[in-house]
Amino acid sequence: MGEVPLSEVRELLSIKKDQYKLVGHLKSRLLDPSIALINRTTDIEVTHSPYEPSRKVASFIFDIHKAAAPPRLSPIPPSTSISEASTPLGKKYQSIGIKEMEFTYPRKHDTS
């Protein structure tokens, strides 16, 4: 478990001063989706909570540990490409040069 000041979170994530001015937007649009992806696709489990000594968020408390079971990943089916996935994450992967064969989705659980 570790406490990271809000200013350091912004610096580590290269967030400009005019971006995510509201901490709620930073949390819901950046931290929550990123942490959900980490939890779904890696053997790491991350949780976080804001630390508010007054009415203003001063820092985030992160708890990072090894997950009980590693995620089960499967490659994208041959009929699907990153561009067909058309997700912001897929586009980001393409922009940094990750090839389709390296791009994987978590396997969906059979609920039947």
Protein backbone atom coordinates (compact mmCIF):
# COMPACT_ATOMS: atom_id res chain seq x y z
CA MET A 1 0.00 0.00 0.00
CA GLY A 2 1.29 3.45 -0.86
CA GLU A 3 0.14 7.02 -0.81
CA VAL A 4 0.89 9.15 -3.86
CA PRO A 5 0.23 12.91 -3.74
CA LEU A 6 -2.14 14.20 -6.43
CA SER A 7 0.60 16.40 -7.89
CA GLU A 8 2.85 13.34 -8.31
CA VAL A 9 0.03 11.31 -9.91
CA ARG A 10 -0.39 14.12 -12.46
CA GLU A 11 3.38 14.25 -13.05
CA LEU A 12 3.79 10.47 -13.40
CA LEU A 13 0.94 10.31 -15.91
CA SER A 14 2.20 13.39 -17.84
CA ILE A 15 -1.07 15.23 -17.28
CA LYS A 16 -0.92 18.87 -18.27
CA LYS A 17 -2.34 21.53 -15.95
CA ASP A 18 -5.28 22.19 -18.27
CA GLN A 19 -6.23 18.47 -18.42
CA TYR A 20 -8.46 16.71 -15.88
CA LYS A 21 -8.93 19.80 -13.73
CA LEU A 22 -11.57 17.96 -11.70
CA VAL A 23 -10.21 15.05 -9.68
CA GLY A 24 -13.45 13.15 -10.34
CA HIS A 25 -12.73 13.26 -14.08
CA LEU A 26 -9.15 12.12 -13.52
CA LYS A 27 -10.43 9.20 -11.49
CA SER A 28 -13.36 8.16 -13.70
CA ARG A 29 -11.76 8.76 -17.09
CA LEU A 30 -8.17 7.75 -16.49
CA LEU A 31 -7.45 5.90 -13.24
CA ASP A 32 -10.55 3.66 -13.05
CA PRO A 33 -10.37 2.34 -16.65
CA SER A 34 -6.59 1.87 -16.49
CA ILE A 35 -6.74 0.00 -13.20
CA ALA A 36 -9.64 -2.14 -14.46
CA LEU A 37 -7.53 -3.10 -17.50
CA ILE A 38 -4.55 -3.96 -15.29
CA ASN A 39 -6.75 -6.10 -13.05
CA ARG A 40 -8.35 -7.91 -16.02
CA THR A 41 -5.22 -8.60 -18.04
CA THR A 42 -2.33 -9.09 -15.61
CA ASP A 43 -1.53 -11.12 -12.53
CA ILE A 44 -1.50 -7.87 -10.53
CA GLU A 45 -4.47 -6.56 -8.59
CA VAL A 46 -4.65 -2.82 -7.96
CA THR A 47 -7.12 -0.89 -5.82
CA HIS A 48 -7.13 2.81 -5.09
CA SER A 49 -8.96 5.33 -2.99
CA PRO A 50 -8.69 9.09 -2.62
CA TYR A 51 -7.28 10.53 0.59
CA GLU A 52 -9.21 13.63 1.60
CA PRO A 53 -7.91 15.23 4.81
CA SER A 54 -10.39 18.05 4.18
CA ARG A 55 -12.93 18.42 1.37
CA LYS A 56 -10.17 18.34 -1.24
CA VAL A 57 -8.37 15.23 -2.53
CA ALA A 58 -4.73 15.48 -1.49
CA SER A 59 -3.51 12.08 -2.67
CA PHE A 60 -4.48 8.60 -3.78
CA ILE A 61 -3.77 5.49 -1.76
CA PHE A 62 -2.86 2.54 -3.99
CA ASP A 63 -2.83 -1.07 -2.89
CA ILE A 64 -0.96 -3.32 -5.32
CA HIS A 65 -0.50 -7.06 -4.88
CA LYS A 66 -0.32 -10.29 -6.83
CA ALA A 67 -3.75 -11.56 -7.88
CA ALA A 68 -4.98 -14.91 -6.61
CA ALA A 69 -5.26 -16.37 -10.12
CA PRO A 70 -3.61 -15.12 -13.31
CA PRO A 71 -5.98 -13.90 -16.02
CA ARG A 72 -6.81 -16.17 -18.93
CA LEU A 73 -6.03 -14.38 -22.17
CA SER A 74 -6.82 -15.39 -25.69
CA PRO A 75 -5.63 -13.80 -28.93
CA ILE A 76 -8.02 -11.81 -31.08
CA PRO A 77 -9.89 -14.20 -33.36
CA PRO A 78 -8.32 -14.28 -36.86
CA SER A 79 -11.35 -12.48 -38.31
CA THR A 80 -10.84 -9.47 -36.02
CA SER A 81 -8.09 -6.90 -36.31
CA ILE A 82 -7.10 -4.08 -34.00
CA SER A 83 -8.65 -1.54 -36.38
CA GLU A 84 -11.91 -3.52 -36.39
CA ALA A 85 -11.92 -3.46 -32.61
CA SER A 86 -12.03 0.36 -32.97
CA THR A 87 -11.48 0.98 -29.29
CA PRO A 88 -9.41 3.88 -27.98
CA LEU A 89 -7.03 1.34 -26.46
CA GLY A 90 -6.72 -0.53 -29.77
CA LYS A 91 -5.92 2.71 -31.56
CA LYS A 92 -3.35 3.58 -28.89
CA TYR A 93 -1.70 0.15 -29.28
CA GLN A 94 -1.52 0.68 -33.04
CA SER A 95 0.00 4.14 -32.59
CA ILE A 96 2.87 2.73 -30.49
CA GLY A 97 3.53 -0.16 -32.87
CA ILE A 98 1.98 -3.16 -31.11
CA LYS A 99 1.13 -5.73 -33.76
CA GLU A 100 -2.19 -7.53 -33.99
CA MET A 101 -0.68 -10.84 -32.92
CA GLU A 102 0.49 -9.23 -29.67
CA PHE A 103 -2.90 -7.64 -28.94
CA THR A 104 -5.05 -9.88 -26.72
CA TYR A 105 -8.41 -9.68 -25.02
CA PRO A 106 -9.39 -11.38 -21.77
CA ARG A 107 -11.31 -14.58 -22.44
CA LYS A 108 -15.01 -14.18 -21.66
CA HIS A 109 -16.42 -16.50 -19.02
CA ASP A 110 -19.10 -18.92 -20.13
CA THR A 111 -22.20 -18.14 -18.07
CA SER A 112 -24.40 -20.89 -19.50
